């Protein structure tokens, strides 16, 4: 697992990316977070949501599937994938 310092850093990164809304900058921030920590299913999920909002269904599907590869029980990603 993550140390408390790593968890806090990750939390701050997620909060900062969330402030960017559904912009390309936010998408890039979530992709970067996932690249730094390939267990960050929330970053993968958010990248998928933003890709979907940008009308990129293939990219969204890829990100939702990545989130579910890490956490198969993550219901928001399950729902999002089923709606594509």
Protein backbone atom coordinates (compact mmCIF):
# COMPACT_ATOMS: atom_id res chain seq x y z
CA UNK A 1 0.00 0.00 0.00
CA UNK A 2 0.84 3.65 -0.01
CA UNK A 3 2.55 5.39 2.87
CA UNK A 4 0.54 8.16 4.50
CA UNK A 5 2.73 10.74 2.74
CA UNK A 6 2.17 9.10 -0.65
CA UNK A 7 -1.56 8.86 0.00
CA UNK A 8 -1.71 12.55 0.93
CA UNK A 9 0.22 13.54 -2.19
CA UNK A 10 -2.13 11.45 -4.34
CA UNK A 11 -5.16 13.01 -2.64
CA UNK A 12 -3.85 16.53 -3.38
CA UNK A 13 -3.19 15.61 -7.03
CA UNK A 14 -6.76 14.30 -7.36
CA UNK A 15 -8.20 17.45 -5.78
CA UNK A 16 -6.16 19.70 -8.07
CA UNK A 17 -7.19 17.74 -11.16
CA UNK A 18 -10.85 17.83 -10.07
CA UNK A 19 -10.67 21.64 -10.01
CA UNK A 20 -9.89 21.52 -13.74
CA UNK A 21 -13.32 20.03 -14.45
CA UNK A 22 -13.67 18.05 -17.67
CA UNK A 23 -10.99 19.87 -19.60
CA UNK A 24 -8.12 18.47 -21.64
CA UNK A 25 -5.83 19.68 -18.82
CA UNK A 26 -7.80 17.59 -16.32
CA UNK A 27 -7.65 14.58 -18.65
CA UNK A 28 -3.87 14.97 -18.97
CA UNK A 29 -3.55 15.28 -15.17
CA UNK A 30 -5.45 12.03 -14.57
CA UNK A 31 -3.50 10.20 -17.27
CA UNK A 32 -0.27 11.42 -15.68
CA UNK A 33 -1.42 10.23 -12.24
CA UNK A 34 -2.22 6.82 -13.68
CA UNK A 35 1.17 6.64 -15.36
CA UNK A 36 2.82 7.40 -12.01
CA UNK A 37 0.71 4.83 -10.16
CA UNK A 38 -0.82 2.09 -12.29
CA UNK A 39 -3.00 1.02 -9.33
CA UNK A 40 -4.86 4.34 -9.29
CA UNK A 41 -8.21 3.14 -10.60
CA UNK A 42 -9.85 6.45 -9.67
CA UNK A 43 -7.50 8.31 -12.03
CA UNK A 44 -8.30 5.78 -14.76
CA UNK A 45 -12.03 6.20 -14.12
CA UNK A 46 -11.86 10.01 -14.21
CA UNK A 47 -9.80 9.91 -17.43
CA UNK A 48 -12.58 7.72 -18.86
CA UNK A 49 -15.30 10.11 -17.76
CA UNK A 50 -13.51 13.06 -19.34
CA UNK A 51 -12.81 11.11 -22.54
CA UNK A 52 -16.53 10.29 -22.71
CA UNK A 53 -17.44 13.96 -22.21
CA UNK A 54 -15.09 14.80 -25.10
CA UNK A 55 -17.04 12.27 -27.25
CA UNK A 56 -14.11 9.83 -27.42
CA UNK A 57 -15.90 6.56 -26.64
CA UNK A 58 -12.99 4.29 -27.56
CA UNK A 59 -10.65 6.12 -25.20
CA UNK A 60 -13.33 6.17 -22.49
CA UNK A 61 -13.86 2.41 -22.86
CA UNK A 62 -10.10 1.81 -22.52
CA UNK A 63 -9.91 3.86 -19.31
CA UNK A 64 -13.02 2.30 -17.76
CA UNK A 65 -11.63 -1.15 -18.54
CA UNK A 66 -8.30 -0.21 -16.93
CA UNK A 67 -10.13 0.93 -13.79
CA UNK A 68 -12.01 -2.37 -13.67
CA UNK A 69 -8.84 -4.40 -14.27
CA UNK A 70 -7.53 -2.89 -11.03
CA UNK A 71 -10.80 -2.92 -9.08
CA UNK A 72 -13.41 -5.19 -10.70
CA UNK A 73 -15.96 -4.24 -8.02
CA UNK A 74 -15.85 -0.48 -8.73
CA UNK A 75 -19.52 0.12 -9.53
CA UNK A 76 -19.17 3.60 -11.11
CA UNK A 77 -16.79 2.18 -13.73
CA UNK A 78 -19.07 -0.82 -14.29
CA UNK A 79 -22.02 1.51 -14.89
CA UNK A 80 -20.04 3.88 -17.10
CA UNK A 81 -18.78 1.02 -19.26
CA UNK A 82 -22.28 -0.42 -19.65
CA UNK A 83 -23.58 2.99 -20.84
CA UNK A 84 -21.07 3.34 -23.69
